[in-house]
Amino acid sequence: IKVDDILVIKPGSSIPIDGVIVEGSSSI
């Protein structure tokens, strides 16, 4: 994964990197 890549994080998945949400909302 590179900086500025857009990742899709589905429910129940761990977040692999530090980032900023650009779409959607959830509880972490």
PDB file of all heavy atoms in Angstrom:
ATOM      1  N   ILE A   1       0.853  -1.205   0.000  1.00  0.00           N
ATOM      2  CA  ILE A   1       0.000   0.000   0.000  1.00  0.00           C
ATOM      3  C   ILE A   1       0.879   1.242   0.000  1.00  0.00           C
ATOM      4  O   ILE A   1       1.882   1.319   0.726  1.00  0.00           O
ATOM      5  CB  ILE A   1      -0.934   0.006   1.240  1.00  0.00           C
ATOM      6  CG1 ILE A   1      -1.859  -1.219   1.214  1.00  0.00           C
ATOM      7  CG2 ILE A   1      -1.756   1.292   1.294  1.00  0.00           C
ATOM      8  CD1 ILE A   1      -2.657  -1.393   2.498  1.00  0.00           C
ATOM      9  N   LYS A   2       0.501   2.239  -0.805  1.00  0.00           N
ATOM     10  CA  LYS A   2       1.268   3.484  -0.905  1.00  0.00           C
ATOM     11  C   LYS A   2       0.423   4.638  -0.370  1.00  0.00           C
ATOM     12  O   LYS A   2      -0.803   4.558  -0.297  1.00  0.00           O
ATOM     13  CB  LYS A   2       1.665   3.754  -2.358  1.00  0.00           C
ATOM     14  CG  LYS A   2       2.589   2.692  -2.954  1.00  0.00           C
ATOM     15  CD  LYS A   2       2.931   3.012  -4.389  1.00  0.00           C
ATOM     16  CE  LYS A   2       3.937   2.019  -4.974  1.00  0.00           C
ATOM     17  NZ  LYS A   2       3.460   0.631  -4.954  1.00  0.00           N
ATOM     18  N   VAL A   3       1.102   5.704   0.013  1.00  0.00           N
ATOM     19  CA  VAL A   3       0.408   6.910   0.478  1.00  0.00           C
ATOM     20  C   VAL A   3      -0.521   7.421  -0.635  1.00  0.00           C
ATOM     21  O   VAL A   3      -0.164   7.383  -1.822  1.00  0.00           O
ATOM     22  CB  VAL A   3       1.435   8.004   0.868  1.00  0.00           C
ATOM     23  CG1 VAL A   3       0.727   9.313   1.232  1.00  0.00           C
ATOM     24  CG2 VAL A   3       2.285   7.537   2.040  1.00  0.00           C
ATOM     25  N   ASP A   4      -1.723   7.878  -0.254  1.00  0.00           N
ATOM     26  CA  ASP A   4      -2.772   8.404  -1.150  1.00  0.00           C
ATOM     27  C   ASP A   4      -3.593   7.303  -1.830  1.00  0.00           C
ATOM     28  O   ASP A   4      -4.531   7.607  -2.582  1.00  0.00           O
ATOM     29  CB  ASP A   4      -2.201   9.370  -2.214  1.00  0.00           C
ATOM     30  CG  ASP A   4      -1.692  10.662  -1.588  1.00  0.00           C
ATOM     31  OD1 ASP A   4      -2.169  11.008  -0.479  1.00  0.00           O
ATOM     32  OD2 ASP A   4      -0.834  11.319  -2.199  1.00  0.00           O
ATOM     33  N   ASP A   5      -3.244   6.002  -1.592  1.00  0.00           N
ATOM     34  CA  ASP A   5      -4.102   4.932  -2.106  1.00  0.00           C
ATOM     35  C   ASP A   5      -5.459   5.006  -1.400  1.00  0.00           C
ATOM     36  O   ASP A   5      -5.538   5.370  -0.224  1.00  0.00           O
ATOM     37  CB  ASP A   5      -3.469   3.555  -1.835  1.00  0.00           C
ATOM     38  CG  ASP A   5      -2.441   3.184  -2.900  1.00  0.00           C
ATOM     39  OD1 ASP A   5      -2.332   3.918  -3.893  1.00  0.00           O
ATOM     40  OD2 ASP A   5      -1.740   2.157  -2.715  1.00  0.00           O
ATOM     41  N   ILE A   6      -6.531   4.652  -2.136  1.00  0.00           N
ATOM     42  CA  ILE A   6      -7.874   4.612  -1.550  1.00  0.00           C
ATOM     43  C   ILE A   6      -8.195   3.161  -1.197  1.00  0.00           C
ATOM     44  O   ILE A   6      -8.161   2.271  -2.055  1.00  0.00           O
ATOM     45  CB  ILE A   6      -8.939   5.163  -2.526  1.00  0.00           C
ATOM     46  CG1 ILE A   6      -8.590   6.605  -2.952  1.00  0.00           C
ATOM     47  CG2 ILE A   6     -10.320   5.118  -1.869  1.00  0.00           C
ATOM     48  CD1 ILE A   6      -8.587   7.601  -1.816  1.00  0.00           C
ATOM     49  N   LEU A   7      -8.497   2.904   0.090  1.00  0.00           N
ATOM     50  CA  LEU A   7      -8.775   1.547   0.566  1.00  0.00           C
ATOM     51  C   LEU A   7     -10.259   1.401   0.897  1.00  0.00           C
ATOM     52  O   LEU A   7     -10.887   2.352   1.367  1.00  0.00           O
ATOM     53  CB  LEU A   7      -7.959   1.227   1.820  1.00  0.00           C
ATOM     54  CG  LEU A   7      -6.474   0.841   1.645  1.00  0.00           C
ATOM     55  CD1 LEU A   7      -5.644   2.052   1.238  1.00  0.00           C
ATOM     56  CD2 LEU A   7      -5.931   0.254   2.938  1.00  0.00           C
ATOM     57  N   VAL A   8     -10.790   0.215   0.617  1.00  0.00           N
ATOM     58  CA  VAL A   8     -12.173  -0.098   0.972  1.00  0.00           C
ATOM     59  C   VAL A   8     -12.136  -0.986   2.221  1.00  0.00           C
ATOM     60  O   VAL A   8     -11.547  -2.078   2.215  1.00  0.00           O
ATOM     61  CB  VAL A   8     -12.891  -0.838  -0.177  1.00  0.00           C
ATOM     62  CG1 VAL A   8     -14.314  -1.195   0.247  1.00  0.00           C
ATOM     63  CG2 VAL A   8     -12.897   0.006  -1.444  1.00  0.00           C
ATOM     64  N   ILE A   9     -12.714  -0.496   3.307  1.00  0.00           N
ATOM     65  CA  ILE A   9     -12.725  -1.248   4.572  1.00  0.00           C
ATOM     66  C   ILE A   9     -14.156  -1.704   4.845  1.00  0.00           C
ATOM     67  O   ILE A   9     -15.051  -0.892   5.085  1.00  0.00           O
ATOM     68  CB  ILE A   9     -12.215  -0.380   5.747  1.00  0.00           C
ATOM     69  CG1 ILE A   9     -10.885   0.303   5.388  1.00  0.00           C
ATOM     70  CG2 ILE A   9     -12.095  -1.224   7.014  1.00  0.00           C
ATOM     71  CD1 ILE A   9      -9.733  -0.638   5.158  1.00  0.00           C
ATOM     72  N   LYS A  10     -14.354  -3.003   4.819  1.00  0.00           N
ATOM     73  CA  LYS A  10     -15.687  -3.569   5.002  1.00  0.00           C
ATOM     74  C   LYS A  10     -15.944  -3.863   6.490  1.00  0.00           C
ATOM     75  O   LYS A  10     -15.001  -3.957   7.277  1.00  0.00           O
ATOM     76  CB  LYS A  10     -15.832  -4.833   4.155  1.00  0.00           C
ATOM     77  CG  LYS A  10     -15.752  -4.527   2.652  1.00  0.00           C
ATOM     78  CD  LYS A  10     -15.899  -5.753   1.789  1.00  0.00           C
ATOM     79  CE  LYS A  10     -15.859  -5.351   0.298  1.00  0.00           C
ATOM     80  NZ  LYS A  10     -15.969  -6.515  -0.600  1.00  0.00           N
ATOM     81  N   PRO A  11     -17.225  -4.003   6.880  1.00  0.00           N
ATOM     82  CA  PRO A  11     -17.557  -4.269   8.281  1.00  0.00           C
ATOM     83  C   PRO A  11     -16.834  -5.505   8.815  1.00  0.00           C
ATOM     84  O   PRO A  11     -16.764  -6.534   8.141  1.00  0.00           O
ATOM     85  CB  PRO A  11     -19.074  -4.489   8.255  1.00  0.00           C
ATOM     86  CG  PRO A  11     -19.540  -3.748   7.052  1.00  0.00           C
ATOM     87  CD  PRO A  11     -18.436  -3.877   6.043  1.00  0.00           C
ATOM     88  N   GLY A  12     -16.262  -5.381  10.014  1.00  0.00           N
ATOM     89  CA  GLY A  12     -15.545  -6.489  10.649  1.00  0.00           C
ATOM     90  C   GLY A  12     -14.089  -6.579  10.259  1.00  0.00           C
ATOM     91  O   GLY A  12     -13.349  -7.401  10.803  1.00  0.00           O
ATOM     92  N   SER A  13     -13.625  -5.731   9.309  1.00  0.00           N
ATOM     93  CA  SER A  13     -12.229  -5.770   8.847  1.00  0.00           C
ATOM     94  C   SER A  13     -11.337  -4.870   9.696  1.00  0.00           C
ATOM     95  O   SER A  13     -11.783  -3.846  10.209  1.00  0.00           O
ATOM     96  CB  SER A  13     -12.130  -5.333   7.390  1.00  0.00           C
ATOM     97  OG  SER A  13     -12.901  -6.178   6.561  1.00  0.00           O
ATOM     98  N   SER A  14     -10.057  -5.276   9.822  1.00  0.00           N
ATOM     99  CA  SER A  14      -9.080  -4.431  10.511  1.00  0.00           C
ATOM    100  C   SER A  14      -8.556  -3.386   9.534  1.00  0.00           C
ATOM    101  O   SER A  14      -8.445  -3.641   8.325  1.00  0.00           O
ATOM    102  CB  SER A  14      -7.906  -5.273  11.027  1.00  0.00           C
ATOM    103  OG  SER A  14      -8.339  -6.168  12.018  1.00  0.00           O
ATOM    104  N   ILE A  15      -8.220  -2.226  10.052  1.00  0.00           N
ATOM    105  CA  ILE A  15      -7.676  -1.149   9.221  1.00  0.00           C
ATOM    106  C   ILE A  15      -6.157  -1.310   9.164  1.00  0.00           C
ATOM    107  O   ILE A  15      -5.493  -1.325  10.205  1.00  0.00           O
ATOM    108  CB  ILE A  15      -8.079   0.226   9.783  1.00  0.00           C
ATOM    109  CG1 ILE A  15      -9.613   0.357   9.757  1.00  0.00           C
ATOM    110  CG2 ILE A  15      -7.413   1.362   9.007  1.00  0.00           C
ATOM    111  CD1 ILE A  15     -10.157   1.572  10.454  1.00  0.00           C
ATOM    112  N   PRO A  16      -5.580  -1.459   7.970  1.00  0.00           N
ATOM    113  CA  PRO A  16      -4.158  -1.803   7.860  1.00  0.00           C
ATOM    114  C   PRO A  16      -3.190  -0.623   7.997  1.00  0.00           C
ATOM    115  O   PRO A  16      -2.008  -0.823   8.271  1.00  0.00           O
ATOM    116  CB  PRO A  16      -4.066  -2.421   6.463  1.00  0.00           C
ATOM    117  CG  PRO A  16      -5.156  -1.768   5.689  1.00  0.00           C
ATOM    118  CD  PRO A  16      -6.256  -1.481   6.656  1.00  0.00           C
ATOM    119  N   ILE A  17      -3.685   0.600   7.746  1.00  0.00           N
ATOM    120  CA  ILE A  17      -2.788   1.763   7.756  1.00  0.00           C
ATOM    121  C   ILE A  17      -3.497   2.954   8.441  1.00  0.00           C
ATOM    122  O   ILE A  17      -4.676   2.869   8.782  1.00  0.00           O
ATOM    123  CB  ILE A  17      -2.366   2.164   6.310  1.00  0.00           C
ATOM    124  CG1 ILE A  17      -3.590   2.158   5.364  1.00  0.00           C
ATOM    125  CG2 ILE A  17      -1.319   1.216   5.770  1.00  0.00           C
ATOM    126  CD1 ILE A  17      -4.441   3.343   5.362  1.00  0.00           C
ATOM    127  N   ASP A  18      -2.743   4.016   8.661  1.00  0.00           N
ATOM    128  CA  ASP A  18      -3.362   5.253   9.149  1.00  0.00           C
ATOM    129  C   ASP A  18      -3.925   6.005   7.943  1.00  0.00           C
ATOM    130  O   ASP A  18      -3.283   6.050   6.870  1.00  0.00           O
ATOM    131  CB  ASP A  18      -2.329   6.140   9.851  1.00  0.00           C
ATOM    132  CG  ASP A  18      -1.850   5.548  11.167  1.00  0.00           C
ATOM    133  OD1 ASP A  18      -2.295   4.432  11.505  1.00  0.00           O
ATOM    134  OD2 ASP A  18      -1.049   6.192  11.862  1.00  0.00           O
ATOM    135  N   GLY A  19      -5.111   6.577   8.100  1.00  0.00           N
ATOM    136  CA  GLY A  19      -5.693   7.289   6.960  1.00  0.00           C
ATOM    137  C   GLY A  19      -6.840   8.193   7.372  1.00  0.00           C
ATOM    138  O   GLY A  19      -7.126   8.376   8.564  1.00  0.00           O
ATOM    139  N   VAL A  20      -7.498   8.750   6.355  1.00  0.00           N
ATOM    140  CA  VAL A  20      -8.628   9.658   6.562  1.00  0.00           C
ATOM    141  C   VAL A  20      -9.822   9.109   5.776  1.00  0.00           C
ATOM    142  O   VAL A  20      -9.669   8.687   4.618  1.00  0.00           O
ATOM    143  CB  VAL A  20      -8.289  11.086   6.082  1.00  0.00           C
ATOM    144  CG1 VAL A  20      -9.495  12.009   6.232  1.00  0.00           C
ATOM    145  CG2 VAL A  20      -7.101  11.652   6.847  1.00  0.00           C
ATOM    146  N   ILE A  21     -11.002   9.118   6.396  1.00  0.00           N
ATOM    147  CA  ILE A  21     -12.211   8.639   5.709  1.00  0.00           C
ATOM    148  C   ILE A  21     -12.609   9.640   4.618  1.00  0.00           C
ATOM    149  O   ILE A  21     -12.740  10.835   4.873  1.00  0.00           O
ATOM    150  CB  ILE A  21     -13.374   8.458   6.708  1.00  0.00           C
ATOM    151  CG1 ILE A  21     -13.024   7.382   7.752  1.00  0.00           C
ATOM    152  CG2 ILE A  21     -14.661   8.054   5.984  1.00  0.00           C
ATOM    153  CD1 ILE A  21     -14.067   7.194   8.836  1.00  0.00           C
ATOM    154  N   VAL A  22     -12.758   9.126   3.389  1.00  0.00           N
ATOM    155  CA  VAL A  22     -13.166   9.993   2.273  1.00  0.00           C
ATOM    156  C   VAL A  22     -14.603   9.689   1.827  1.00  0.00           C
ATOM    157  O   VAL A  22     -15.203  10.472   1.083  1.00  0.00           O
ATOM    158  CB  VAL A  22     -12.199   9.848   1.073  1.00  0.00           C
ATOM    159  CG1 VAL A  22     -10.818  10.394   1.428  1.00  0.00           C
ATOM    160  CG2 VAL A  22     -12.086   8.384   0.613  1.00  0.00           C
ATOM    161  N   GLU A  23     -15.131   8.569   2.273  1.00  0.00           N
ATOM    162  CA  GLU A  23     -16.508   8.226   1.914  1.00  0.00           C
ATOM    163  C   GLU A  23     -17.083   7.239   2.936  1.00  0.00           C
ATOM    164  O   GLU A  23     -16.425   6.288   3.334  1.00  0.00           O
ATOM    165  CB  GLU A  23     -16.546   7.588   0.524  1.00  0.00           C
ATOM    166  CG  GLU A  23     -17.961   7.366  -0.004  1.00  0.00           C
ATOM    167  CD  GLU A  23     -17.969   6.718  -1.386  1.00  0.00           C
ATOM    168  OE1 GLU A  23     -17.202   7.174  -2.273  1.00  0.00           O
ATOM    169  OE2 GLU A  23     -18.723   5.741  -1.581  1.00  0.00           O
ATOM    170  N   GLY A  24     -18.331   7.502   3.376  1.00  0.00           N
ATOM    171  CA  GLY A  24     -19.018   6.604   4.304  1.00  0.00           C
ATOM    172  C   GLY A  24     -18.807   7.002   5.761  1.00  0.00           C
ATOM    173  O   GLY A  24     -18.047   7.923   6.089  1.00  0.00           O
ATOM    174  N   SER A  25     -19.499   6.296   6.627  1.00  0.00           N
ATOM    175  CA  SER A  25     -19.365   6.519   8.071  1.00  0.00           C
ATOM    176  C   SER A  25     -19.529   5.186   8.780  1.00  0.00           C
ATOM    177  O   SER A  25     -20.172   4.266   8.264  1.00  0.00           O
ATOM    178  CB  SER A  25     -20.413   7.522   8.558  1.00  0.00           C
ATOM    179  OG  SER A  25     -21.720   7.030   8.308  1.00  0.00           O
ATOM    180  N   SER A  26     -18.955   5.077   9.970  1.00  0.00           N
ATOM    181  CA  SER A  26     -19.003   3.819  10.710  1.00  0.00           C
ATOM    182  C   SER A  26     -18.599   4.068  12.150  1.00  0.00           C
ATOM    183  O   SER A  26     -18.237   5.192  12.528  1.00  0.00           O
ATOM    184  CB  SER A  26     -18.071   2.794  10.065  1.00  0.00           C
ATOM    185  OG  SER A  26     -18.147   1.551  10.742  1.00  0.00           O
ATOM    186  N   SER A  27     -18.662   3.031  12.982  1.00  0.00           N
ATOM    187  CA  SER A  27     -18.102   3.103  14.337  1.00  0.00           C
ATOM    188  C   SER A  27     -16.860   2.212  14.341  1.00  0.00           C
ATOM    189  O   SER A  27     -16.887   1.087  13.837  1.00  0.00           O
ATOM    190  CB  SER A  27     -19.121   2.631  15.366  1.00  0.00           C
ATOM    191  OG  SER A  27     -19.570   1.333  15.078  1.00  0.00           O
ATOM    192  N   ILE A  28     -15.786   2.745  14.899  1.00  0.00           N
ATOM    193  CA  ILE A  28     -14.494   2.060  14.871  1.00  0.00           C
ATOM    194  C   ILE A  28     -14.119   1.625  16.288  1.00  0.00           C
ATOM    195  O   ILE A  28     -14.107   2.433  17.219  1.00  0.00           O
ATOM    196  CB  ILE A  28     -13.379   2.981  14.309  1.00  0.00           C
ATOM    197  CG1 ILE A  28     -13.783   3.584  12.951  1.00  0.00           C
ATOM    198  CG2 ILE A  28     -12.069   2.214  14.189  1.00  0.00           C
ATOM    199  CD1 ILE A  28     -13.920   2.596  11.828  1.00  0.00           C
TER     200      ILE A  28
END
